[in-house]
PDB file of N, CA and C in Angstrom:
ATOM      1  N   UNK A   1     151.582  50.394 199.416  1.00  0.00           N
ATOM      2  CA  UNK A   1     150.161  50.187 199.249  1.00  0.00           C
ATOM      3  C   UNK A   1     149.881  51.834 198.999  1.00  0.00           C
ATOM      4  N   UNK A   2     149.871  52.278 199.530  1.00  0.00           N
ATOM      5  CA  UNK A   2     149.205  53.769 199.610  1.00  0.00           C
ATOM      6  C   UNK A   2     149.245  54.542 198.020  1.00  0.00           C
ATOM      7  N   UNK A   3     150.132  53.686 197.183  1.00  0.00           N
ATOM      8  CA  UNK A   3     149.902  53.762 196.006  1.00  0.00           C
ATOM      9  C   UNK A   3     148.116  53.071 195.374  1.00  0.00           C
ATOM     10  N   UNK A   4     148.380  51.863 195.911  1.00  0.00           N
ATOM     11  CA  UNK A   4     147.338  51.048 195.680  1.00  0.00           C
ATOM     12  C   UNK A   4     145.449  51.618 195.897  1.00  0.00           C
ATOM     13  N   UNK A   5     146.154  52.472 197.182  1.00  0.00           N
ATOM     14  CA  UNK A   5     145.244  52.579 197.985  1.00  0.00           C
ATOM     15  C   UNK A   5     144.360  53.821 197.308  1.00  0.00           C
ATOM     16  N   UNK A   6     145.215  54.842 196.676  1.00  0.00           N
ATOM     17  CA  UNK A   6     145.437  56.365 196.052  1.00  0.00           C
ATOM     18  C   UNK A   6     144.295  55.858 194.166  1.00  0.00           C
ATOM     19  N   UNK A   7     145.365  54.795 193.859  1.00  0.00           N
ATOM     20  CA  UNK A   7     144.429  54.021 192.450  1.00  0.00           C
ATOM     21  C   UNK A   7     142.551  53.386 192.832  1.00  0.00           C
ATOM     22  N   UNK A   8     142.611  52.998 194.078  1.00  0.00           N
ATOM     23  CA  UNK A   8     141.322  52.530 194.050  1.00  0.00           C
ATOM     24  C   UNK A   8     140.293  53.971 193.972  1.00  0.00           C
ATOM     25  N   UNK A   9     141.154  54.841 194.814  1.00  0.00           N
ATOM     26  CA  UNK A   9     140.044  56.490 194.828  1.00  0.00           C
ATOM     27  C   UNK A   9     140.031  56.580 193.276  1.00  0.00           C
ATOM     28  N   UNK A  10     140.740  56.554 192.845  1.00  0.00           N
ATOM     29  CA  UNK A  10     140.881  56.982 191.443  1.00  0.00           C
ATOM     30  C   UNK A  10     141.456  58.321 191.429  1.00  0.00           C
ATOM     31  N   UNK A  11     142.404  58.586 192.176  1.00  0.00           N
ATOM     32  CA  UNK A  11     142.536  60.313 191.807  1.00  0.00           C
ATOM     33  C   UNK A  11     143.851  60.238 191.615  1.00  0.00           C
ATOM     34  N   UNK A  12     144.098  61.393 191.231  1.00  0.00           N
ATOM     35  CA  UNK A  12     145.492  61.839 190.710  1.00  0.00           C
ATOM     36  C   UNK A  12     146.572  61.934 191.839  1.00  0.00           C
ATOM     37  N   UNK A  13     147.593  61.631 191.317  1.00  0.00           N
ATOM     38  CA  UNK A  13     148.874  61.682 192.786  1.00  0.00           C
ATOM     39  C   UNK A  13     148.677  63.475 193.399  1.00  0.00           C
ATOM     40  N   UNK A  14     148.782  64.490 192.738  1.00  0.00           N
ATOM     41  CA  UNK A  14     148.313  65.740 192.701  1.00  0.00           C
ATOM     42  C   UNK A  14     147.040  66.000 193.806  1.00  0.00           C
ATOM     43  N   UNK A  15     146.647  65.626 193.062  1.00  0.00           N
ATOM     44  CA  UNK A  15     145.051  65.280 194.566  1.00  0.00           C
ATOM     45  C   UNK A  15     145.303  65.100 195.890  1.00  0.00           C
ATOM     46  N   UNK A  16     145.463  63.505 195.937  1.00  0.00           N
ATOM     47  CA  UNK A  16     145.982  63.495 196.762  1.00  0.00           C
ATOM     48  C   UNK A  16     146.987  63.768 198.100  1.00  0.00           C
ATOM     49  N   UNK A  17     147.888  64.114 197.468  1.00  0.00           N
ATOM     50  CA  UNK A  17     148.744  64.674 197.976  1.00  0.00           C
ATOM     51  C   UNK A  17     147.883  66.551 198.698  1.00  0.00           C
ATOM     52  N   UNK A  18     147.492  67.033 197.746  1.00  0.00           N
ATOM     53  CA  UNK A  18     147.004  67.667 198.302  1.00  0.00           C
ATOM     54  C   UNK A  18     146.240  68.642 199.564  1.00  0.00           C
ATOM     55  N   UNK A  19     144.923  66.878 199.279  1.00  0.00           N
ATOM     56  CA  UNK A  19     144.380  66.575 200.250  1.00  0.00           C
ATOM     57  C   UNK A  19     145.111  65.932 201.682  1.00  0.00           C
ATOM     58  N   UNK A  20     146.043  65.755 201.316  1.00  0.00           N
ATOM     59  CA  UNK A  20     146.888  65.000 202.745  1.00  0.00           C
ATOM     60  C   UNK A  20     147.845  65.735 203.641  1.00  0.00           C
ATOM     61  N   UNK A  21     147.801  67.126 202.133  1.00  0.00           N
ATOM     62  CA  UNK A  21     148.640  68.839 202.951  1.00  0.00           C
ATOM     63  C   UNK A  21     150.169  68.292 202.802  1.00  0.00           C
ATOM     64  N   UNK A  22     150.530  68.148 201.412  1.00  0.00           N
ATOM     65  CA  UNK A  22     151.449  67.738 201.608  1.00  0.00           C
ATOM     66  C   UNK A  22     152.639  67.852 199.954  1.00  0.00           C
ATOM     67  N   UNK A  23     153.155  67.841 199.096  1.00  0.00           N
ATOM     68  CA  UNK A  23     153.814  67.940 198.240  1.00  0.00           C
ATOM     69  C   UNK A  23     153.851  66.750 197.228  1.00  0.00           C
ATOM     70  N   UNK A  24     153.256  67.379 195.781  1.00  0.00           N
ATOM     71  CA  UNK A  24     152.932  65.457 195.159  1.00  0.00           C
ATOM     72  C   UNK A  24     154.495  64.791 195.019  1.00  0.00           C
ATOM     73  N   UNK A  25     155.803  65.626 195.383  1.00  0.00           N
ATOM     74  CA  UNK A  25     156.356  65.129 195.116  1.00  0.00           C
ATOM     75  C   UNK A  25     157.041  64.346 196.168  1.00  0.00           C
ATOM     76  N   UNK A  26     156.795  65.082 197.214  1.00  0.00           N
ATOM     77  CA  UNK A  26     157.018  64.230 198.065  1.00  0.00           C
ATOM     78  C   UNK A  26     156.151  62.665 198.275  1.00  0.00           C
ATOM     79  N   UNK A  27     154.821  62.837 198.268  1.00  0.00           N
ATOM     80  CA  UNK A  27     154.009  61.800 198.143  1.00  0.00           C
ATOM     81  C   UNK A  27     154.331  60.697 197.192  1.00  0.00           C
ATOM     82  N   UNK A  28     154.605  60.810 195.771  1.00  0.00           N
ATOM     83  CA  UNK A  28     155.642  60.441 195.164  1.00  0.00           C
ATOM     84  C   UNK A  28     156.766  59.382 195.660  1.00  0.00           C
ATOM     85  N   UNK A  29     157.856  60.019 196.366  1.00  0.00           N
ATOM     86  CA  UNK A  29     158.780  59.890 197.114  1.00  0.00           C
ATOM     87  C   UNK A  29     158.310  58.194 198.171  1.00  0.00           C
ATOM     88  N   UNK A  30     157.359  58.836 198.979  1.00  0.00           N
ATOM     89  CA  UNK A  30     156.924  58.527 199.644  1.00  0.00           C
ATOM     90  C   UNK A  30     156.896  56.968 199.328  1.00  0.00           C
ATOM     91  N   UNK A  31     155.561  57.236 197.898  1.00  0.00           N
ATOM     92  CA  UNK A  31     154.857  55.734 197.352  1.00  0.00           C
ATOM     93  C   UNK A  31     155.490  54.350 196.652  1.00  0.00           C
ATOM     94  N   UNK A  32     157.014  55.348 196.393  1.00  0.00           N
ATOM     95  CA  UNK A  32     157.882  54.671 196.306  1.00  0.00           C
ATOM     96  C   UNK A  32     159.201  53.878 197.086  1.00  0.00           C
ATOM     97  N   UNK A  33     158.564  54.506 198.084  1.00  0.00           N
ATOM     98  CA  UNK A  33     159.428  54.184 199.094  1.00  0.00           C
ATOM     99  C   UNK A  33     160.774  54.794 199.419  1.00  0.00           C
ATOM    100  N   UNK A  34     161.044  56.011 198.932  1.00  0.00           N
ATOM    101  CA  UNK A  34     162.614  56.352 198.345  1.00  0.00           C
ATOM    102  C   UNK A  34     162.205  57.032 200.199  1.00  0.00           C
ATOM    103  N   UNK A  35     161.053  57.445 200.681  1.00  0.00           N
ATOM    104  CA  UNK A  35     160.243  58.529 201.909  1.00  0.00           C
ATOM    105  C   UNK A  35     159.803  57.662 202.491  1.00  0.00           C
ATOM    106  N   UNK A  36     160.185  57.737 204.362  1.00  0.00           N
ATOM    107  CA  UNK A  36     159.187  58.337 204.880  1.00  0.00           C
ATOM    108  C   UNK A  36     158.408  58.843 205.595  1.00  0.00           C
ATOM    109  N   UNK A  37     156.650  58.950 205.632  1.00  0.00           N
ATOM    110  CA  UNK A  37     156.242  60.041 206.233  1.00  0.00           C
ATOM    111  C   UNK A  37     156.113  59.734 207.843  1.00  0.00           C
ATOM    112  N   UNK A  38     156.293  61.361 207.836  1.00  0.00           N
ATOM    113  CA  UNK A  38     156.072  62.021 209.239  1.00  0.00           C
ATOM    114  C   UNK A  38     155.351  61.300 210.049  1.00  0.00           C
ATOM    115  N   UNK A  39     154.798  61.148 211.268  1.00  0.00           N
ATOM    116  CA  UNK A  39     154.162  60.914 212.158  1.00  0.00           C
ATOM    117  C   UNK A  39     152.490  61.984 211.865  1.00  0.00           C
ATOM    118  N   UNK A  40     152.879  62.903 210.829  1.00  0.00           N
ATOM    119  CA  UNK A  40     152.000  63.601 211.288  1.00  0.00           C
ATOM    120  C   UNK A  40     151.737  63.473 209.717  1.00  0.00           C
ATOM    121  N   UNK A  41     152.397  63.042 208.919  1.00  0.00           N
ATOM    122  CA  UNK A  41     152.193  62.854 207.314  1.00  0.00           C
ATOM    123  C   UNK A  41     151.603  61.837 207.184  1.00  0.00           C
ATOM    124  N   UNK A  42     151.395  60.430 208.174  1.00  0.00           N
ATOM    125  CA  UNK A  42     151.102  59.174 208.123  1.00  0.00           C
ATOM    126  C   UNK A  42     149.186  59.658 208.687  1.00  0.00           C
ATOM    127  N   UNK A  43     149.225  60.342 209.558  1.00  0.00           N
ATOM    128  CA  UNK A  43     147.575  60.645 210.280  1.00  0.00           C
ATOM    129  C   UNK A  43     147.151  61.234 209.128  1.00  0.00           C
ATOM    130  N   UNK A  44     148.016  62.368 208.192  1.00  0.00           N
ATOM    131  CA  UNK A  44     146.733  62.501 207.299  1.00  0.00           C
ATOM    132  C   UNK A  44     146.482  61.736 206.259  1.00  0.00           C
ATOM    133  N   UNK A  45     147.462  60.971 205.576  1.00  0.00           N
ATOM    134  CA  UNK A  45     147.306  60.234 204.885  1.00  0.00           C
ATOM    135  C   UNK A  45     146.016  58.887 205.292  1.00  0.00           C
ATOM    136  N   UNK A  46     146.122  58.859 206.618  1.00  0.00           N
ATOM    137  CA  UNK A  46     145.178  57.663 207.022  1.00  0.00           C
ATOM    138  C   UNK A  46     143.572  58.330 207.058  1.00  0.00           C
ATOM    139  N   UNK A  47     143.476  59.960 206.974  1.00  0.00           N
ATOM    140  CA  UNK A  47     142.368  60.469 207.685  1.00  0.00           C
ATOM    141  C   UNK A  47     141.917  60.256 205.822  1.00  0.00           C
ATOM    142  N   UNK A  48     142.715  60.628 204.480  1.00  0.00           N
ATOM    143  CA  UNK A  48     142.026  60.982 203.407  1.00  0.00           C
ATOM    144  C   UNK A  48     142.069  60.022 202.915  1.00  0.00           C
ATOM    145  N   UNK A  49     142.475  58.348 203.139  1.00  0.00           N
ATOM    146  CA  UNK A  49     142.375  57.730 202.352  1.00  0.00           C
ATOM    147  C   UNK A  49     141.014  56.357 203.007  1.00  0.00           C
ATOM    148  N   UNK A  50     140.517  57.513 204.195  1.00  0.00           N
ATOM    149  CA  UNK A  50     139.596  56.393 204.955  1.00  0.00           C
ATOM    150  C   UNK A  50     140.106  54.890 206.093  1.00  0.00           C
ATOM    151  N   UNK A  51     141.481  54.839 205.787  1.00  0.00           N
ATOM    152  CA  UNK A  51     141.607  53.743 206.648  1.00  0.00           C
ATOM    153  C   UNK A  51     142.310  53.966 207.924  1.00  0.00           C
ATOM    154  N   UNK A  52     142.094  53.057 208.892  1.00  0.00           N
ATOM    155  CA  UNK A  52     142.671  53.077 210.411  1.00  0.00           C
ATOM    156  C   UNK A  52     144.251  53.367 210.472  1.00  0.00           C
ATOM    157  N   UNK A  53     144.565  54.066 211.149  1.00  0.00           N
ATOM    158  CA  UNK A  53     146.098  54.539 211.388  1.00  0.00           C
ATOM    159  C   UNK A  53     146.962  54.072 211.205  1.00  0.00           C
ATOM    160  N   UNK A  54     146.801  53.000 212.187  1.00  0.00           N
ATOM    161  CA  UNK A  54     147.364  51.890 212.521  1.00  0.00           C
ATOM    162  C   UNK A  54     148.025  50.920 211.188  1.00  0.00           C
ATOM    163  N   UNK A  55     146.628  50.881 210.435  1.00  0.00           N
ATOM    164  CA  UNK A  55     147.466  50.334 208.359  1.00  0.00           C
ATOM    165  C   UNK A  55     148.368  50.831 207.834  1.00  0.00           C
ATOM    166  N   UNK A  56     148.587  52.173 208.230  1.00  0.00           N
ATOM    167  CA  UNK A  56     149.703  52.792 207.564  1.00  0.00           C
ATOM    168  C   UNK A  56     150.915  53.092 207.960  1.00  0.00           C
ATOM    169  N   UNK A  57     150.675  53.406 209.991  1.00  0.00           N
ATOM    170  CA  UNK A  57     151.719  53.352 210.532  1.00  0.00           C
ATOM    171  C   UNK A  57     152.432  51.881 210.724  1.00  0.00           C
ATOM    172  N   UNK A  58     151.593  51.058 210.156  1.00  0.00           N
ATOM    173  CA  UNK A  58     152.740  49.010 210.191  1.00  0.00           C
ATOM    174  C   UNK A  58     152.984  49.337 208.773  1.00  0.00           C
ATOM    175  N   UNK A  59     152.712  49.927 207.475  1.00  0.00           N
ATOM    176  CA  UNK A  59     153.136  49.981 206.461  1.00  0.00           C
ATOM    177  C   UNK A  59     154.374  50.675 206.525  1.00  0.00           C
ATOM    178  N   UNK A  60     154.743  51.511 207.167  1.00  0.00           N
ATOM    179  CA  UNK A  60     155.608  52.788 207.685  1.00  0.00           C
ATOM    180  C   UNK A  60     156.690  51.993 208.103  1.00  0.00           C
ATOM    181  N   UNK A  61     156.653  50.657 209.314  1.00  0.00           N
ATOM    182  CA  UNK A  61     157.351  50.131 210.050  1.00  0.00           C
ATOM    183  C   UNK A  61     158.152  49.116 209.620  1.00  0.00           C
ATOM    184  N   UNK A  62     157.390  48.260 208.717  1.00  0.00           N
ATOM    185  CA  UNK A  62     157.518  47.584 207.095  1.00  0.00           C
ATOM    186  C   UNK A  62     158.744  47.712 206.759  1.00  0.00           C
ATOM    187  N   UNK A  63     158.827  49.681 206.024  1.00  0.00           N
ATOM    188  CA  UNK A  63     159.520  49.595 205.159  1.00  0.00           C
ATOM    189  C   UNK A  63     160.411  50.282 206.281  1.00  0.00           C
ATOM    190  N   UNK A  64     160.602  50.736 206.610  1.00  0.00           N
ATOM    191  CA  UNK A  64     161.620  50.792 207.848  1.00  0.00           C
ATOM    192  C   UNK A  64     163.019  49.557 207.948  1.00  0.00           C
ATOM    193  N   UNK A  65     161.722  49.153 208.286  1.00  0.00           N
ATOM    194  CA  UNK A  65     162.690  47.513 208.720  1.00  0.00           C
ATOM    195  C   UNK A  65     163.427  46.626 207.430  1.00  0.00           C
ATOM    196  N   UNK A  66     162.807  47.294 206.488  1.00  0.00           N
ATOM    197  CA  UNK A  66     162.581  46.379 204.784  1.00  0.00           C
ATOM    198  C   UNK A  66     164.582  47.212 204.793  1.00  0.00           C
ATOM    199  N   UNK A  67     164.735  48.358 204.513  1.00  0.00           N
ATOM    200  CA  UNK A  67     165.783  49.289 204.805  1.00  0.00           C
ATOM    201  C   UNK A  67     166.916  49.519 205.744  1.00  0.00           C
ATOM    202  N   UNK A  68     166.124  48.954 207.079  1.00  0.00           N
ATOM    203  CA  UNK A  68     167.508  48.285 208.164  1.00  0.00           C
ATOM    204  C   UNK A  68     167.796  46.805 207.746  1.00  0.00           C
ATOM    205  N   UNK A  69     167.209  45.996 207.283  1.00  0.00           N
ATOM    206  CA  UNK A  69     167.312  45.125 207.087  1.00  0.00           C
ATOM    207  C   UNK A  69     168.316  44.269 205.538  1.00  0.00           C
ATOM    208  N   UNK A  70     168.241  45.576 205.171  1.00  0.00           N
ATOM    209  CA  UNK A  70     169.602  45.324 203.508  1.00  0.00           C
ATOM    210  C   UNK A  70     170.746  46.189 204.458  1.00  0.00           C
ATOM    211  N   UNK A  71     170.675  45.924 205.526  1.00  0.00           N
ATOM    212  CA  UNK A  71     172.143  46.674 205.745  1.00  0.00           C
ATOM    213  C   UNK A  71     172.600  45.746 206.473  1.00  0.00           C
ATOM    214  N   UNK A  72     172.024  44.602 207.449  1.00  0.00           N
ATOM    215  CA  UNK A  72     172.408  43.470 208.069  1.00  0.00           C
ATOM    216  C   UNK A  72     171.097  42.528 207.935  1.00  0.00           C
ATOM    217  N   UNK A  73     171.045  41.240 207.148  1.00  0.00           N
ATOM    218  CA  UNK A  73     170.109  40.828 206.823  1.00  0.00           C
ATOM    219  C   UNK A  73     170.158  39.522 208.122  1.00  0.00           C
ATOM    220  N   UNK A  74     170.933  39.101 208.519  1.00  0.00           N
ATOM    221  CA  UNK A  74     171.123  38.151 209.520  1.00  0.00           C
ATOM    222  C   UNK A  74     170.902  38.398 210.721  1.00  0.00           C
ATOM    223  N   UNK A  75     171.192  39.844 211.274  1.00  0.00           N
ATOM    224  CA  UNK A  75     170.142  41.117 212.606  1.00  0.00           C
ATOM    225  C   UNK A  75     168.632  40.957 212.251  1.00  0.00           C
ATOM    226  N   UNK A  76     168.696  41.352 211.381  1.00  0.00           N
ATOM    227  CA  UNK A  76     167.115  41.381 210.634  1.00  0.00           C
ATOM    228  C   UNK A  76     166.267  39.927 210.718  1.00  0.00           C
ATOM    229  N   UNK A  77     166.603  38.442 210.332  1.00  0.00           N
ATOM    230  CA  UNK A  77     166.285  37.582 210.361  1.00  0.00           C
ATOM    231  C   UNK A  77     166.273  37.351 212.066  1.00  0.00           C
ATOM    232  N   UNK A  78     166.749  37.261 212.877  1.00  0.00           N
ATOM    233  CA  UNK A  78     166.601  37.142 213.948  1.00  0.00           C
ATOM    234  C   UNK A  78     165.784  38.323 214.768  1.00  0.00           C
ATOM    235  N   UNK A  79     165.571  39.011 214.482  1.00  0.00           N
ATOM    236  CA  UNK A  79     164.888  40.503 214.955  1.00  0.00           C
ATOM    237  C   UNK A  79     163.164  39.923 214.460  1.00  0.00           C
ATOM    238  N   UNK A  80     162.617  39.284 213.268  1.00  0.00           N
ATOM    239  CA  UNK A  80     161.926  39.253 212.782  1.00  0.00           C
ATOM    240  C   UNK A  80     161.448  37.671 213.376  1.00  0.00           C
ATOM    241  N   UNK A  81     162.731  36.717 213.998  1.00  0.00           N
ATOM    242  CA  UNK A  81     161.978  35.478 214.956  1.00  0.00           C
ATOM    243  C   UNK A  81     161.657  35.607 215.659  1.00  0.00           C
ATOM    244  N   UNK A  82     162.529  37.058 216.853  1.00  0.00           N
ATOM    245  CA  UNK A  82     162.117  37.968 217.852  1.00  0.00           C
ATOM    246  C   UNK A  82     160.279  38.308 218.106  1.00  0.00           C
ATOM    247  N   UNK A  83     160.033  39.351 216.865  1.00  0.00           N
ATOM    248  CA  UNK A  83     159.136  39.582 217.024  1.00  0.00           C
ATOM    249  C   UNK A  83     157.715  38.491 216.746  1.00  0.00           C
ATOM    250  N   UNK A  84     158.374  37.619 216.065  1.00  0.00           N
ATOM    251  CA  UNK A  84     157.430  36.376 215.750  1.00  0.00           C
ATOM    252  C   UNK A  84     156.868  35.726 217.219  1.00  0.00           C
ATOM    253  N   UNK A  85     158.175  34.933 217.975  1.00  0.00           N
ATOM    254  CA  UNK A  85     157.929  34.649 218.731  1.00  0.00           C
ATOM    255  C   UNK A  85     157.312  35.245 220.052  1.00  0.00           C
ATOM    256  N   UNK A  86     157.331  36.831 220.296  1.00  0.00           N
ATOM    257  CA  UNK A  86     156.917  37.727 220.786  1.00  0.00           C
ATOM    258  C   UNK A  86     155.073  38.221 221.299  1.00  0.00           C
ATOM    259  N   UNK A  87     155.022  37.546 219.722  1.00  0.00           N
ATOM    260  CA  UNK A  87     153.672  37.711 219.181  1.00  0.00           C
ATOM    261  C   UNK A  87     153.029  36.107 219.001  1.00  0.00           C
ATOM    262  N   UNK A  88     153.459  35.467 219.855  1.00  0.00           N
ATOM    263  CA  UNK A  88     153.384  33.700 220.088  1.00  0.00           C
ATOM    264  C   UNK A  88     153.275  32.604 218.912  1.00  0.00           C
ATOM    265  N   UNK A  89     154.194  33.178 217.738  1.00  0.00           N
ATOM    266  CA  UNK A  89     153.640  32.224 216.650  1.00  0.00           C
ATOM    267  C   UNK A  89     155.166  32.109 216.760  1.00  0.00           C
ATOM    268  N   UNK A  90     155.954  31.133 216.147  1.00  0.00           N
ATOM    269  CA  UNK A  90     156.501  29.958 216.171  1.00  0.00           C
ATOM    270  C   UNK A  90     156.873  29.750 215.104  1.00  0.00           C
ATOM    271  N   UNK A  91     158.164  29.208 214.225  1.00  0.00           N
ATOM    272  CA  UNK A  91     158.393  28.354 212.682  1.00  0.00           C
ATOM    273  C   UNK A  91     158.872  27.275 213.189  1.00  0.00           C
ATOM    274  N   UNK A  92     157.950  26.192 212.298  1.00  0.00           N
ATOM    275  CA  UNK A  92     157.897  25.013 212.354  1.00  0.00           C
ATOM    276  C   UNK A  92     158.432  24.449 211.080  1.00  0.00           C
ATOM    277  N   UNK A  93     159.350  23.494 211.156  1.00  0.00           N
ATOM    278  CA  UNK A  93     159.882  22.643 209.908  1.00  0.00           C
ATOM    279  C   UNK A  93     159.093  21.841 210.082  1.00  0.00           C
ATOM    280  N   UNK A  94     158.383  22.364 208.144  1.00  0.00           N
ATOM    281  CA  UNK A  94     157.076  21.387 208.088  1.00  0.00           C
ATOM    282  C   UNK A  94     157.900  20.215 206.994  1.00  0.00           C
ATOM    283  N   UNK A  95     158.144  19.149 208.030  1.00  0.00           N
ATOM    284  CA  UNK A  95     158.861  17.872 206.887  1.00  0.00           C
ATOM    285  C   UNK A  95     157.829  16.552 207.332  1.00  0.00           C
ATOM    286  N   UNK A  96     157.126  16.355 206.317  1.00  0.00           N
ATOM    287  CA  UNK A  96     156.207  15.411 206.014  1.00  0.00           C
ATOM    288  C   UNK A  96     155.896  13.990 206.959  1.00  0.00           C
ATOM    289  N   UNK A  97     155.506  13.901 207.831  1.00  0.00           N
ATOM    290  CA  UNK A  97     155.383  12.722 208.605  1.00  0.00           C
ATOM    291  C   UNK A  97     155.014  11.089 208.290  1.00  0.00           C
ATOM    292  N   UNK A  98     155.244   9.958 207.964  1.00  0.00           N
ATOM    293  CA  UNK A  98     155.509   9.037 207.865  1.00  0.00           C
ATOM    294  C   UNK A  98     153.732   8.775 207.599  1.00  0.00           C
ATOM    295  N   UNK A  99     152.461   9.158 208.368  1.00  0.00           N
ATOM    296  CA  UNK A  99     151.502   8.619 208.174  1.00  0.00           C
ATOM    297  C   UNK A  99     150.561   9.885 207.853  1.00  0.00           C
ATOM    298  N   UNK A 100     150.760  10.654 207.507  1.00  0.00           N
ATOM    299  CA  UNK A 100     150.545  12.293 207.508  1.00  0.00           C
ATOM    300  C   UNK A 100     150.939  12.427 205.515  1.00  0.00           C
ATOM    301  N   UNK A 101     151.990  11.404 204.747  1.00  0.00           N
ATOM    302  CA  UNK A 101     151.779  11.508 203.456  1.00  0.00           C
ATOM    303  C   UNK A 101     150.377  10.900 202.672  1.00  0.00           C
ATOM    304  N   UNK A 102     150.039  12.051 201.852  1.00  0.00           N
ATOM    305  CA  UNK A 102     148.913  12.127 200.760  1.00  0.00           C
ATOM    306  C   UNK A 102     149.283  10.654 200.302  1.00  0.00           C
ATOM    307  N   UNK A 103     147.943  10.325 199.790  1.00  0.00           N
ATOM    308  CA  UNK A 103     148.274   8.928 199.513  1.00  0.00           C
ATOM    309  C   UNK A 103     148.852   8.870 198.069  1.00  0.00           C
ATOM    310  N   UNK A 104     149.530   7.795 197.253  1.00  0.00           N
ATOM    311  CA  UNK A 104     149.808   7.690 196.096  1.00  0.00           C
ATOM    312  C   UNK A 104     148.433   7.806 194.987  1.00  0.00           C
ATOM    313  N   UNK A 105     148.864   8.428 193.725  1.00  0.00           N
ATOM    314  CA  UNK A 105     147.972   8.736 192.600  1.00  0.00           C
ATOM    315  C   UNK A 105     147.615   7.091 192.365  1.00  0.00           C
ATOM    316  N   UNK A 106     146.131   7.284 192.002  1.00  0.00           N
ATOM    317  CA  UNK A 106     145.985   6.085 191.643  1.00  0.00           C
ATOM    318  C   UNK A 106     145.961   6.091 190.314  1.00  0.00           C
ATOM    319  N   UNK A 107     146.426   4.254 190.138  1.00  0.00           N
ATOM    320  CA  UNK A 107     146.846   4.218 188.391  1.00  0.00           C
ATOM    321  C   UNK A 107     145.368   4.325 187.215  1.00  0.00           C
ATOM    322  N   UNK A 108     145.142   4.863 186.423  1.00  0.00           N
ATOM    323  CA  UNK A 108     144.208   5.112 185.355  1.00  0.00           C
ATOM    324  C   UNK A 108     144.137   4.058 184.714  1.00  0.00           C
ATOM    325  N   UNK A 109     143.223   3.140 184.433  1.00  0.00           N
ATOM    326  CA  UNK A 109     143.187   2.354 183.602  1.00  0.00           C
ATOM    327  C   UNK A 109     143.264   2.135 181.767  1.00  0.00           C
ATOM    328  N   UNK A 110     144.344   1.828 181.225  1.00  0.00           N
ATOM    329  CA  UNK A 110     144.562   2.266 179.810  1.00  0.00           C
ATOM    330  C   UNK A 110     143.289   2.439 179.527  1.00  0.00           C
ATOM    331  N   UNK A 111     143.345   2.819 177.998  1.00  0.00           N
ATOM    332  CA  UNK A 111     142.510   2.842 177.285  1.00  0.00           C
ATOM    333  C   UNK A 111     142.907   1.615 176.057  1.00  0.00           C
ATOM    334  N   UNK A 112     141.536   0.834 175.796  1.00  0.00           N
ATOM    335  CA  UNK A 112     141.837  -0.446 174.918  1.00  0.00           C
ATOM    336  C   UNK A 112     141.444   0.950 173.330  1.00  0.00           C
ATOM    337  N   UNK A 113     141.985   0.093 172.486  1.00  0.00           N
ATOM    338  CA  UNK A 113     142.717   0.181 170.950  1.00  0.00           C
ATOM    339  C   UNK A 113     141.808  -0.436 170.384  1.00  0.00           C
TER     340      UNK A 113
END
């Protein structure tokens, strides 16, 4: 997401890093998902890219969750379900019901030769 924001601004990595008060190597690692920004770095990036702080904080939470999920995918799936439930979202099996099936395709008339 950060790389996309930087590309939209059409600025090189070193300039974005300097404006956010960090080293370009660090920003590169953050953009690649190898490091997570601190709270201060997150706030600086939000100010520089002129996006709501919550947008970048949410991306940091997602990236952190992904890293943890690799260690225990089953626990991560359960955690994701619990988060969705607490937000009022529920997963539903979407099997077609007899009355809700789309109509069969109409046969096209054959061409005359």
